């Protein structure tokens, strides 16, 4: 494997892992019974989404 392929695979793995965490945060946001729970779900989903996009871009 070339160095570029290894870096690309690492970015893909990290990006997809945080994308899955984003989905968990979105479910928590819609399933939370209180506004505080909804805010935590939204915040977690947004942070994970930003990290996911950054991982795709950093290891491209």
PDB file of N, CA and C in Angstrom:
ATOM      1  N   UNK A   1       0.845  -1.191   0.000  1.00  0.00           N
ATOM      2  CA  UNK A   1       0.000   0.000   0.000  1.00  0.00           C
ATOM      3  C   UNK A   1       0.881   1.242   0.000  1.00  0.00           C
ATOM      4  N   UNK A   2       0.446   2.221  -0.720  1.00  0.00           N
ATOM      5  CA  UNK A   2       1.206   3.462  -0.748  1.00  0.00           C
ATOM      6  C   UNK A   2       0.820   4.336   0.445  1.00  0.00           C
ATOM      7  N   UNK A   3       1.663   5.298   0.685  1.00  0.00           N
ATOM      8  CA  UNK A   3       1.446   6.200   1.823  1.00  0.00           C
ATOM      9  C   UNK A   3       0.146   6.977   1.668  1.00  0.00           C
ATOM     10  N   UNK A   4      -0.175   7.394   0.445  1.00  0.00           N
ATOM     11  CA  UNK A   4      -1.416   8.137   0.211  1.00  0.00           C
ATOM     12  C   UNK A   4      -2.648   7.313   0.499  1.00  0.00           C
ATOM     13  N   UNK A   5      -2.601   6.027   0.187  1.00  0.00           N
ATOM     14  CA  UNK A   5      -3.745   5.154   0.449  1.00  0.00           C
ATOM     15  C   UNK A   5      -3.957   4.964   1.944  1.00  0.00           C
ATOM     16  N   UNK A   6      -2.862   4.815   2.684  1.00  0.00           N
ATOM     17  CA  UNK A   6      -2.974   4.625   4.133  1.00  0.00           C
ATOM     18  C   UNK A   6      -3.577   5.862   4.786  1.00  0.00           C
ATOM     19  N   UNK A   7      -3.108   7.047   4.400  1.00  0.00           N
ATOM     20  CA  UNK A   7      -3.648   8.284   4.967  1.00  0.00           C
ATOM     21  C   UNK A   7      -5.116   8.446   4.609  1.00  0.00           C
ATOM     22  N   UNK A   8      -5.484   8.106   3.382  1.00  0.00           N
ATOM     23  CA  UNK A   8      -6.865   8.226   2.949  1.00  0.00           C
ATOM     24  C   UNK A   8      -7.770   7.282   3.739  1.00  0.00           C
ATOM     25  N   UNK A   9      -7.290   6.067   3.967  1.00  0.00           N
ATOM     26  CA  UNK A   9      -8.075   5.108   4.734  1.00  0.00           C
ATOM     27  C   UNK A   9      -8.247   5.550   6.182  1.00  0.00           C
ATOM     28  N   UNK A  10      -7.216   6.162   6.753  1.00  0.00           N
ATOM     29  CA  UNK A  10      -7.308   6.653   8.126  1.00  0.00           C
ATOM     30  C   UNK A  10      -8.355   7.762   8.225  1.00  0.00           C
ATOM     31  N   UNK A  11      -8.335   8.686   7.286  1.00  0.00           N
ATOM     32  CA  UNK A  11      -9.319   9.764   7.274  1.00  0.00           C
ATOM     33  C   UNK A  11     -10.724   9.243   7.094  1.00  0.00           C
ATOM     34  N   UNK A  12     -10.878   8.241   6.235  1.00  0.00           N
ATOM     35  CA  UNK A  12     -12.189   7.643   6.016  1.00  0.00           C
ATOM     36  C   UNK A  12     -12.707   6.975   7.292  1.00  0.00           C
ATOM     37  N   UNK A  13     -11.849   6.243   7.968  1.00  0.00           N
ATOM     38  CA  UNK A  13     -12.260   5.566   9.196  1.00  0.00           C
ATOM     39  C   UNK A  13     -12.641   6.534  10.303  1.00  0.00           C
ATOM     40  N   UNK A  14     -11.806   7.546  10.510  1.00  0.00           N
ATOM     41  CA  UNK A  14     -12.096   8.543  11.549  1.00  0.00           C
ATOM     42  C   UNK A  14     -13.355   9.324  11.190  1.00  0.00           C
ATOM     43  N   UNK A  15     -13.475   9.707   9.932  1.00  0.00           N
ATOM     44  CA  UNK A  15     -14.649  10.464   9.496  1.00  0.00           C
ATOM     45  C   UNK A  15     -15.935   9.685   9.666  1.00  0.00           C
ATOM     46  N   UNK A  16     -15.917   8.412   9.283  1.00  0.00           N
ATOM     47  CA  UNK A  16     -17.128   7.602   9.427  1.00  0.00           C
ATOM     48  C   UNK A  16     -17.448   7.305  10.892  1.00  0.00           C
ATOM     49  N   UNK A  17     -16.432   7.150  11.726  1.00  0.00           N
ATOM     50  CA  UNK A  17     -16.678   6.923  13.153  1.00  0.00           C
ATOM     51  C   UNK A  17     -17.380   8.133  13.777  1.00  0.00           C
ATOM     52  N   UNK A  18     -16.900   9.329  13.465  1.00  0.00           N
ATOM     53  CA  UNK A  18     -17.542  10.515  14.024  1.00  0.00           C
ATOM     54  C   UNK A  18     -18.890  10.790  13.365  1.00  0.00           C
ATOM     55  N   UNK A  19     -19.077  10.351  12.138  1.00  0.00           N
ATOM     56  CA  UNK A  19     -20.398  10.467  11.516  1.00  0.00           C
ATOM     57  C   UNK A  19     -21.410   9.599  12.257  1.00  0.00           C
ATOM     58  N   UNK A  20     -20.979   8.427  12.706  1.00  0.00           N
ATOM     59  CA  UNK A  20     -21.864   7.572  13.497  1.00  0.00           C
ATOM     60  C   UNK A  20     -22.194   8.226  14.837  1.00  0.00           C
ATOM     61  N   UNK A  21     -21.213   8.873  15.444  1.00  0.00           N
ATOM     62  CA  UNK A  21     -21.461   9.582  16.704  1.00  0.00           C
ATOM     63  C   UNK A  21     -22.438  10.739  16.469  1.00  0.00           C
ATOM     64  N   UNK A  22     -22.344  11.375  15.311  1.00  0.00           N
ATOM     65  CA  UNK A  22     -23.283  12.442  14.960  1.00  0.00           C
ATOM     66  C   UNK A  22     -24.717  11.923  14.935  1.00  0.00           C
ATOM     67  N   UNK A  23     -24.903  10.731  14.378  1.00  0.00           N
ATOM     68  CA  UNK A  23     -26.248  10.144  14.353  1.00  0.00           C
ATOM     69  C   UNK A  23     -26.757   9.853  15.761  1.00  0.00           C
ATOM     70  N   UNK A  24     -25.882   9.402  16.635  1.00  0.00           N
ATOM     71  CA  UNK A  24     -26.286   9.152  18.031  1.00  0.00           C
ATOM     72  C   UNK A  24     -26.696  10.463  18.695  1.00  0.00           C
ATOM     73  N   UNK A  25     -25.934  11.527  18.440  1.00  0.00           N
ATOM     74  CA  UNK A  25     -26.286  12.833  18.999  1.00  0.00           C
ATOM     75  C   UNK A  25     -27.613  13.344  18.462  1.00  0.00           C
ATOM     76  N   UNK A  26     -27.884  13.093  17.186  1.00  0.00           N
ATOM     77  CA  UNK A  26     -29.162  13.515  16.605  1.00  0.00           C
ATOM     78  C   UNK A  26     -30.320  12.750  17.218  1.00  0.00           C
ATOM     79  N   UNK A  27     -30.147  11.469  17.449  1.00  0.00           N
ATOM     80  CA  UNK A  27     -31.198  10.673  18.099  1.00  0.00           C
ATOM     81  C   UNK A  27     -31.417  11.176  19.526  1.00  0.00           C
ATOM     82  N   UNK A  28     -30.325  11.489  20.222  1.00  0.00           N
ATOM     83  CA  UNK A  28     -30.452  12.021  21.578  1.00  0.00           C
ATOM     84  C   UNK A  28     -31.161  13.372  21.563  1.00  0.00           C
ATOM     85  N   UNK A  29     -30.895  14.165  20.542  1.00  0.00           N
ATOM     86  CA  UNK A  29     -31.527  15.477  20.435  1.00  0.00           C
ATOM     87  C   UNK A  29     -33.045  15.346  20.272  1.00  0.00           C
ATOM     88  N   UNK A  30     -33.480  14.443  19.421  1.00  0.00           N
ATOM     89  CA  UNK A  30     -34.916  14.300  19.185  1.00  0.00           C
ATOM     90  C   UNK A  30     -35.612  13.470  20.253  1.00  0.00           C
ATOM     91  N   UNK A  31     -34.866  12.641  20.975  1.00  0.00           N
ATOM     92  CA  UNK A  31     -35.486  11.779  21.970  1.00  0.00           C
ATOM     93  C   UNK A  31     -35.422  12.304  23.383  1.00  0.00           C
ATOM     94  N   UNK A  32     -34.743  13.407  23.585  1.00  0.00           N
ATOM     95  CA  UNK A  32     -34.579  13.933  24.944  1.00  0.00           C
ATOM     96  C   UNK A  32     -35.889  14.544  25.449  1.00  0.00           C
ATOM     97  N   UNK A  33     -36.230  14.274  26.705  1.00  0.00           N
ATOM     98  CA  UNK A  33     -37.484  14.801  27.231  1.00  0.00           C
ATOM     99  C   UNK A  33     -37.411  16.279  27.655  1.00  0.00           C
ATOM    100  N   UNK A  34     -36.197  16.791  27.868  1.00  0.00           N
ATOM    101  CA  UNK A  34     -36.061  18.174  28.333  1.00  0.00           C
ATOM    102  C   UNK A  34     -35.297  18.999  27.304  1.00  0.00           C
ATOM    103  N   UNK A  35     -35.376  20.299  27.458  1.00  0.00           N
ATOM    104  CA  UNK A  35     -34.638  21.184  26.554  1.00  0.00           C
ATOM    105  C   UNK A  35     -33.138  21.083  26.772  1.00  0.00           C
ATOM    106  N   UNK A  36     -32.721  20.816  27.994  1.00  0.00           N
ATOM    107  CA  UNK A  36     -31.289  20.657  28.274  1.00  0.00           C
ATOM    108  C   UNK A  36     -30.757  19.415  27.554  1.00  0.00           C
ATOM    109  N   UNK A  37     -31.507  18.341  27.585  1.00  0.00           N
ATOM    110  CA  UNK A  37     -31.115  17.128  26.873  1.00  0.00           C
ATOM    111  C   UNK A  37     -31.052  17.348  25.372  1.00  0.00           C
ATOM    112  N   UNK A  38     -32.011  18.103  24.860  1.00  0.00           N
ATOM    113  CA  UNK A  38     -32.010  18.433  23.439  1.00  0.00           C
ATOM    114  C   UNK A  38     -30.788  19.272  23.087  1.00  0.00           C
ATOM    115  N   UNK A  39     -30.447  20.215  23.934  1.00  0.00           N
ATOM    116  CA  UNK A  39     -29.275  21.055  23.691  1.00  0.00           C
ATOM    117  C   UNK A  39     -27.990  20.233  23.719  1.00  0.00           C
ATOM    118  N   UNK A  40     -27.868  19.311  24.658  1.00  0.00           N
ATOM    119  CA  UNK A  40     -26.684  18.446  24.719  1.00  0.00           C
ATOM    120  C   UNK A  40     -26.600  17.561  23.479  1.00  0.00           C
ATOM    121  N   UNK A  41     -27.713  17.029  23.033  1.00  0.00           N
ATOM    122  CA  UNK A  41     -27.727  16.217  21.824  1.00  0.00           C
ATOM    123  C   UNK A  41     -27.314  17.017  20.603  1.00  0.00           C
ATOM    124  N   UNK A  42     -27.835  18.239  20.494  1.00  0.00           N
ATOM    125  CA  UNK A  42     -27.472  19.103  19.372  1.00  0.00           C
ATOM    126  C   UNK A  42     -25.996  19.462  19.422  1.00  0.00           C
ATOM    127  N   UNK A  43     -25.517  19.820  20.589  1.00  0.00           N
ATOM    128  CA  UNK A  43     -24.102  20.180  20.727  1.00  0.00           C
ATOM    129  C   UNK A  43     -23.182  19.014  20.398  1.00  0.00           C
ATOM    130  N   UNK A  44     -23.528  17.847  20.898  1.00  0.00           N
ATOM    131  CA  UNK A  44     -22.715  16.667  20.601  1.00  0.00           C
ATOM    132  C   UNK A  44     -22.723  16.318  19.130  1.00  0.00           C
ATOM    133  N   UNK A  45     -23.893  16.426  18.504  1.00  0.00           N
ATOM    134  CA  UNK A  45     -23.993  16.133  17.073  1.00  0.00           C
ATOM    135  C   UNK A  45     -23.181  17.137  16.260  1.00  0.00           C
ATOM    136  N   UNK A  46     -23.228  18.390  16.614  1.00  0.00           N
ATOM    137  CA  UNK A  46     -22.495  19.410  15.861  1.00  0.00           C
ATOM    138  C   UNK A  46     -20.983  19.244  16.008  1.00  0.00           C
ATOM    139  N   UNK A  47     -20.517  18.980  17.221  1.00  0.00           N
ATOM    140  CA  UNK A  47     -19.079  18.796  17.437  1.00  0.00           C
ATOM    141  C   UNK A  47     -18.581  17.564  16.678  1.00  0.00           C
ATOM    142  N   UNK A  48     -19.322  16.478  16.759  1.00  0.00           N
ATOM    143  CA  UNK A  48     -18.919  15.262  16.049  1.00  0.00           C
ATOM    144  C   UNK A  48     -18.946  15.464  14.536  1.00  0.00           C
ATOM    145  N   UNK A  49     -19.913  16.218  14.042  1.00  0.00           N
ATOM    146  CA  UNK A  49     -19.981  16.487  12.602  1.00  0.00           C
ATOM    147  C   UNK A  49     -18.795  17.326  12.138  1.00  0.00           C
ATOM    148  N   UNK A  50     -18.412  18.306  12.915  1.00  0.00           N
ATOM    149  CA  UNK A  50     -17.265  19.145  12.558  1.00  0.00           C
ATOM    150  C   UNK A  50     -15.981  18.314  12.555  1.00  0.00           C
ATOM    151  N   UNK A  51     -15.812  17.449  13.548  1.00  0.00           N
ATOM    152  CA  UNK A  51     -14.629  16.594  13.596  1.00  0.00           C
ATOM    153  C   UNK A  51     -14.626  15.617  12.427  1.00  0.00           C
ATOM    154  N   UNK A  52     -15.799  15.111  12.072  1.00  0.00           N
ATOM    155  CA  UNK A  52     -15.903  14.188  10.944  1.00  0.00           C
ATOM    156  C   UNK A  52     -15.473  14.858   9.642  1.00  0.00           C
ATOM    157  N   UNK A  53     -15.981  16.049   9.378  1.00  0.00           N
ATOM    158  CA  UNK A  53     -15.614  16.769   8.161  1.00  0.00           C
ATOM    159  C   UNK A  53     -14.130  17.133   8.183  1.00  0.00           C
ATOM    160  N   UNK A  54     -13.625  17.539   9.328  1.00  0.00           N
ATOM    161  CA  UNK A  54     -12.205  17.880   9.430  1.00  0.00           C
ATOM    162  C   UNK A  54     -11.318  16.662   9.170  1.00  0.00           C
ATOM    163  N   UNK A  55     -11.734  15.498   9.632  1.00  0.00           N
ATOM    164  CA  UNK A  55     -10.951  14.275   9.392  1.00  0.00           C
ATOM    165  C   UNK A  55     -10.923  13.935   7.910  1.00  0.00           C
ATOM    166  N   UNK A  56     -12.061  14.072   7.232  1.00  0.00           N
ATOM    167  CA  UNK A  56     -12.077  13.820   5.792  1.00  0.00           C
ATOM    168  C   UNK A  56     -11.147  14.791   5.060  1.00  0.00           C
ATOM    169  N   UNK A  57     -11.110  16.039   5.490  1.00  0.00           N
ATOM    170  CA  UNK A  57     -10.290  17.036   4.816  1.00  0.00           C
ATOM    171  C   UNK A  57      -8.814  16.912   5.189  1.00  0.00           C
ATOM    172  N   UNK A  58      -8.523  16.595   6.435  1.00  0.00           N
ATOM    173  CA  UNK A  58      -7.139  16.548   6.904  1.00  0.00           C
ATOM    174  C   UNK A  58      -6.368  15.385   6.288  1.00  0.00           C
ATOM    175  N   UNK A  59      -7.011  14.264   6.093  1.00  0.00           N
ATOM    176  CA  UNK A  59      -6.320  13.093   5.582  1.00  0.00           C
ATOM    177  C   UNK A  59      -6.562  12.876   4.095  1.00  0.00           C
ATOM    178  N   UNK A  60      -7.027  13.905   3.407  1.00  0.00           N
ATOM    179  CA  UNK A  60      -7.311  13.786   1.976  1.00  0.00           C
ATOM    180  C   UNK A  60      -6.024  13.842   1.180  1.00  0.00           C
TER     181      UNK A  60
END
